[in-house]
Amino acid sequence: MLRIDCTCYNLLTEFLPRLRVKIKAARPSISKKFTNLAILDMSNLLSFIKTKQFFVHLGLALLSVFIVIFILIKYLSSYTEHGEFIEVPDFSEKRISELKGFIEDKGVNFLIIDSLYDPSKTPGIVIKQEPSPKSKVKHNRNIYLYVTSMVPPQIIMPKLMDRSERQAKLLILSYGLRIGKVTTKNSDCNGCVLEQLNKGQIIEPGQNIKKGSVIDLIVGTKDNYSNSVNDTLVQDVGKDTFDND
């Protein structure tokens, strides 16, 4: 076994130096061959570019690209309906129940995005739309609608007692409520709100009440104040009569 290993070692030591010498000797010739091949390929390419066949192939390639782009543009135009617009219809005053039938031949869709309370309007009708009527839009465009609320929203009843009649009325309006009857009642607090009522029932501050409800007021008044005002008016009238005489 040792002899075989020695023999292999001797063969390798003799073969490897010879192989290295041959590789070194072959390197210049290999490089020269690759250089010649590159020069040959470049010259062949330049020669091919000058031929009629090259221009035919180039023309066919450009034509193919143009046809593909043209077909793609046409397809996208037909898919997106490029350049085709329709006029937005007027949805104002339309009831919610009528909307589906209204848009059947209009080429648009609708989407209700908000409901607003307006006591002056009929509940459940369109009061605003986006885009506006007669605008130009694409086919099947969504029209966003605002409708009046079917049910008035609930609000918190403010405190009106101990305020003046004028302050109470301003507060009623600012809360979206309506001013009802104002009656007077003898009281030490002249001109102050004594009670606040809804449909004949006292409503306490902090209670829930529907927006737009009617609020009646009972305002205090002093008899002495009324008598003094009447006496002053009588005196003024008498004075004017005496002066005229």
Protein backbone atom coordinates (compact mmCIF):
# COMPACT_ATOMS: atom_id res chain seq x y z
CA MET A 1 0.00 0.00 0.00
CA LEU A 2 2.83 2.38 0.82
CA ARG A 3 4.52 1.66 -2.49
CA ILE A 4 1.33 2.52 -4.44
CA ASP A 5 1.01 5.84 -2.61
CA CYS A 6 4.62 6.69 -3.35
CA THR A 7 4.15 5.84 -7.02
CA CYS A 8 1.06 8.08 -7.27
CA TYR A 9 2.89 10.89 -5.56
CA ASN A 10 5.83 10.62 -7.94
CA LEU A 11 3.53 10.64 -10.96
CA LEU A 12 1.72 13.74 -9.72
CA THR A 13 4.92 15.60 -8.99
CA GLU A 14 6.14 14.86 -12.53
CA PHE A 15 2.78 15.58 -14.25
CA LEU A 16 1.76 18.81 -12.55
CA PRO A 17 4.80 20.89 -13.59
CA ARG A 18 4.43 19.75 -17.19
CA LEU A 19 0.67 20.66 -17.09
CA ARG A 20 1.48 24.13 -15.77
CA VAL A 21 3.98 24.73 -18.55
CA LYS A 22 1.47 23.65 -21.21
CA ILE A 23 -1.24 25.92 -19.75
CA LYS A 24 1.12 28.91 -19.74
CA ALA A 25 2.09 28.19 -23.29
CA ALA A 26 -1.54 27.85 -24.39
CA ARG A 27 -2.79 31.10 -22.76
CA PRO A 28 -1.61 33.50 -25.50
CA SER A 29 -3.07 31.37 -28.25
CA ILE A 30 -6.43 31.05 -26.40
CA SER A 31 -6.63 34.81 -25.81
CA LYS A 32 -5.75 35.46 -29.41
CA LYS A 33 -8.50 33.07 -30.56
CA PHE A 34 -11.13 34.81 -28.38
CA THR A 35 -9.99 38.21 -29.63
CA ASN A 36 -10.21 37.04 -33.22
CA LEU A 37 -13.70 35.60 -32.59
CA ALA A 38 -14.91 38.93 -31.04
CA ILE A 39 -13.54 40.90 -33.97
CA LEU A 40 -15.13 38.47 -36.36
CA ASP A 41 -18.54 38.68 -34.61
CA MET A 42 -18.44 42.47 -34.60
CA SER A 43 -17.58 42.62 -38.27
CA ASN A 44 -20.35 40.12 -39.03
CA LEU A 45 -22.83 42.21 -37.05
CA LEU A 46 -21.87 45.39 -38.88
CA SER A 47 -22.16 43.58 -42.17
CA PHE A 48 -25.64 42.25 -41.20
CA ILE A 49 -26.85 45.72 -40.19
CA LYS A 50 -26.03 46.97 -43.69
CA THR A 51 -28.07 44.25 -45.34
CA LYS A 52 -31.66 44.54 -46.57
CA GLN A 53 -32.68 41.60 -44.38
CA PHE A 54 -31.85 43.58 -41.22
CA PHE A 55 -34.07 46.50 -42.23
CA VAL A 56 -36.92 44.12 -43.08
CA HIS A 57 -36.70 42.52 -39.63
CA LEU A 58 -36.45 45.92 -37.94
CA GLY A 59 -39.51 47.18 -39.80
CA LEU A 60 -41.53 44.08 -38.88
CA ALA A 61 -40.54 44.49 -35.20
CA LEU A 62 -41.55 48.17 -35.12
CA LEU A 63 -44.81 47.39 -36.89
CA SER A 64 -45.60 44.65 -34.36
CA VAL A 65 -44.96 47.04 -31.44
CA PHE A 66 -47.17 49.71 -33.03
CA ILE A 67 -50.02 47.22 -33.59
CA VAL A 68 -49.85 45.98 -29.98
CA ILE A 69 -49.91 49.54 -28.59
CA PHE A 70 -52.80 50.51 -30.89
CA ILE A 71 -54.87 47.49 -29.84
CA LEU A 72 -54.13 48.18 -26.17
CA ILE A 73 -55.21 51.83 -26.44
CA LYS A 74 -58.42 50.85 -28.23
CA TYR A 75 -59.21 48.23 -25.62
CA LEU A 76 -58.63 50.63 -22.73
CA SER A 77 -60.73 53.32 -24.42
CA SER A 78 -63.65 50.96 -24.89
CA TYR A 79 -63.29 49.58 -21.34
CA THR A 80 -63.18 52.99 -19.67
CA GLU A 81 -65.52 54.65 -22.21
CA HIS A 82 -62.95 57.33 -22.82
CA GLY A 83 -64.44 60.58 -24.10
CA GLU A 84 -68.03 59.49 -23.40
CA PHE A 85 -69.95 61.56 -20.83
CA ILE A 86 -73.53 61.81 -19.65
CA GLU A 87 -75.42 64.61 -17.94
CA VAL A 88 -76.15 64.27 -14.22
CA PRO A 89 -79.92 64.28 -13.57
CA ASP A 90 -81.54 66.48 -10.93
CA PHE A 91 -82.36 64.44 -7.81
CA SER A 92 -83.73 67.37 -5.78
CA GLU A 93 -87.06 66.77 -3.99
CA LYS A 94 -87.05 63.10 -5.03
CA ARG A 95 -88.28 60.69 -2.36
CA ILE A 96 -85.99 57.86 -1.27
CA SER A 97 -88.56 55.30 -2.45
CA GLU A 98 -88.52 56.81 -5.97
CA LEU A 99 -84.75 56.82 -6.53
CA LYS A 100 -84.31 53.32 -8.02
CA GLY A 101 -86.99 53.90 -10.62
CA PHE A 102 -85.71 57.40 -11.34
CA ILE A 103 -82.20 56.25 -12.38
CA GLU A 104 -83.22 53.30 -14.57
CA ASP A 105 -82.61 55.14 -17.85
CA LYS A 106 -80.21 57.81 -16.54
CA GLY A 107 -76.93 55.85 -16.75
CA VAL A 108 -75.85 56.73 -13.21
CA ASN A 109 -75.95 55.17 -9.76
CA PHE A 110 -76.69 56.83 -6.43
CA LEU A 111 -75.37 56.54 -2.90
CA ILE A 112 -77.00 58.14 0.17
CA ILE A 113 -74.14 59.35 2.36
CA ASP A 114 -75.88 61.48 4.99
CA SER A 115 -79.26 62.47 6.41
CA LEU A 116 -79.92 66.00 7.65
CA TYR A 117 -82.76 67.24 9.79
CA ASP A 118 -84.70 70.13 8.32
CA PRO A 119 -88.13 70.81 9.84
CA SER A 120 -89.08 72.98 6.87
CA LYS A 121 -88.64 70.03 4.45
CA THR A 122 -90.59 66.82 3.94
CA PRO A 123 -88.84 63.84 5.61
CA GLY A 124 -87.09 61.39 3.28
CA ILE A 125 -86.41 63.61 0.25
CA VAL A 126 -83.17 64.59 -1.49
CA ILE A 127 -81.99 68.08 -0.55
CA LYS A 128 -78.44 68.03 -1.92
CA GLN A 129 -76.36 66.07 -4.43
CA GLU A 130 -72.75 65.82 -5.61
CA PRO A 131 -71.93 66.31 -8.48
CA SER A 132 -74.50 69.01 -9.16
CA PRO A 133 -77.27 68.60 -11.78
CA LYS A 134 -76.27 68.91 -15.46
CA SER A 135 -72.61 68.17 -14.70
CA LYS A 136 -70.80 65.89 -17.16
CA VAL A 137 -69.68 62.53 -15.71
CA LYS A 138 -68.69 59.06 -16.91
CA HIS A 139 -71.27 56.33 -17.40
CA ASN A 140 -72.35 54.50 -14.19
CA ARG A 141 -70.86 57.22 -11.98
CA ASN A 142 -72.05 57.28 -8.34
CA ILE A 143 -74.05 60.39 -7.40
CA TYR A 144 -73.77 61.17 -3.68
CA LEU A 145 -77.04 62.24 -2.08
CA TYR A 146 -78.04 64.04 1.13
CA VAL A 147 -81.59 63.40 2.31
CA THR A 148 -83.81 64.79 5.04
CA SER A 149 -83.98 62.65 8.15
CA MET A 150 -87.08 60.53 8.61
CA VAL A 151 -86.88 60.87 12.41
CA PRO A 152 -85.81 64.08 14.19
CA PRO A 153 -82.61 63.64 16.20
CA GLN A 154 -82.75 63.72 19.99
CA ILE A 155 -81.20 66.65 21.84
CA ILE A 156 -80.77 67.59 25.51
CA MET A 157 -83.30 70.08 26.78
CA PRO A 158 -81.54 73.26 27.97
CA LYS A 159 -82.38 75.08 31.22
CA LEU A 160 -84.60 78.10 30.51
CA MET A 161 -85.84 78.82 34.05
CA ASP A 162 -84.51 81.94 35.77
CA ARG A 163 -83.56 83.43 32.42
CA SER A 164 -85.21 86.43 30.83
CA GLU A 165 -87.87 85.82 28.20
CA ARG A 166 -85.57 87.17 25.51
CA GLN A 167 -82.63 84.95 26.55
CA ALA A 168 -84.90 81.89 26.72
CA LYS A 169 -86.24 82.46 23.20
CA LEU A 170 -82.73 82.83 21.77
CA LEU A 171 -81.65 79.62 23.52
CA ILE A 172 -84.68 77.73 22.19
CA LEU A 173 -83.82 78.70 18.62
CA SER A 174 -80.11 77.93 19.01
CA TYR A 175 -80.98 74.35 20.06
CA GLY A 176 -83.14 73.81 16.98
CA LEU A 177 -86.39 73.98 18.95
CA ARG A 178 -89.43 76.13 18.17
CA ILE A 179 -91.00 78.85 20.29
CA GLY A 180 -94.57 78.17 21.35
CA LYS A 181 -97.01 80.10 23.53
CA VAL A 182 -95.78 82.58 26.13
CA THR A 183 -98.09 83.09 29.10
CA THR A 184 -97.59 85.20 32.22
CA LYS A 185 -97.97 84.34 35.89
CA ASN A 186 -97.73 86.46 39.01
CA SER A 187 -94.28 86.12 40.51
CA ASP A 188 -91.65 88.03 42.44
CA CYS A 189 -89.24 87.51 39.52
CA ASN A 190 -90.51 89.92 36.93
CA GLY A 191 -89.75 88.87 33.34
CA CYS A 192 -88.13 85.56 34.39
CA VAL A 193 -89.03 82.20 32.92
CA LEU A 194 -90.82 80.17 35.60
CA GLU A 195 -91.64 76.99 33.68
CA GLN A 196 -90.80 75.34 30.34
CA LEU A 197 -93.34 73.02 28.74
CA ASN A 198 -93.72 70.69 25.78
CA LYS A 199 -97.22 69.61 24.74
CA GLY A 200 -98.59 70.95 28.00
CA GLN A 201 -96.15 68.96 30.15
CA ILE A 202 -93.23 70.38 32.12
CA ILE A 203 -89.93 69.26 30.63
CA GLU A 204 -86.94 69.36 32.91
CA PRO A 205 -83.46 70.46 31.82
CA GLY A 206 -81.33 67.50 30.74
CA GLN A 207 -84.24 65.45 29.39
CA ASN A 208 -84.12 64.11 25.82
CA ILE A 209 -86.41 65.87 23.38
CA LYS A 210 -86.86 65.70 19.62
CA LYS A 211 -85.25 68.49 17.66
CA GLY A 212 -87.90 70.85 16.28
CA SER A 213 -90.26 70.37 19.23
CA VAL A 214 -92.37 73.33 20.37
CA ILE A 215 -91.51 74.81 23.76
CA ASP A 216 -94.06 76.91 25.67
CA LEU A 217 -92.94 79.38 28.32
CA ILE A 218 -94.53 80.71 31.50
CA VAL A 219 -93.01 84.06 32.39
CA GLY A 220 -93.32 85.77 35.78
CA THR A 221 -94.75 89.27 36.22
CA LYS A 222 -95.32 91.56 39.20
CA ASP A 223 -98.69 93.27 39.78
CA ASN A 224 -97.00 96.37 41.25
CA TYR A 225 -94.85 96.67 38.13
CA SER A 226 -97.91 96.45 35.90
CA ASN A 227 -99.84 99.01 37.99
CA SER A 228 -96.91 101.44 37.99
CA VAL A 229 -96.64 101.16 34.21
CA ASN A 230 -100.38 101.76 33.82
CA ASP A 231 -100.28 104.77 36.21
CA THR A 232 -97.42 106.27 34.24
CA LEU A 233 -99.30 105.84 30.98
CA VAL A 234 -102.43 107.49 32.49
CA GLN A 235 -100.39 110.44 33.78
CA ASP A 236 -98.73 110.94 30.41
CA VAL A 237 -102.07 110.84 28.62
CA GLY A 238 -103.62 113.32 31.05
CA LYS A 239 -100.68 115.68 30.70
CA ASP A 240 -100.91 115.59 26.94
CA THR A 241 -104.66 116.30 27.11
CA PHE A 242 -104.12 119.25 29.51
CA ASP A 243 -101.43 120.71 27.28
CA ASN A 244 -103.64 120.49 24.26
CA ASP A 245 -106.44 122.28 26.08
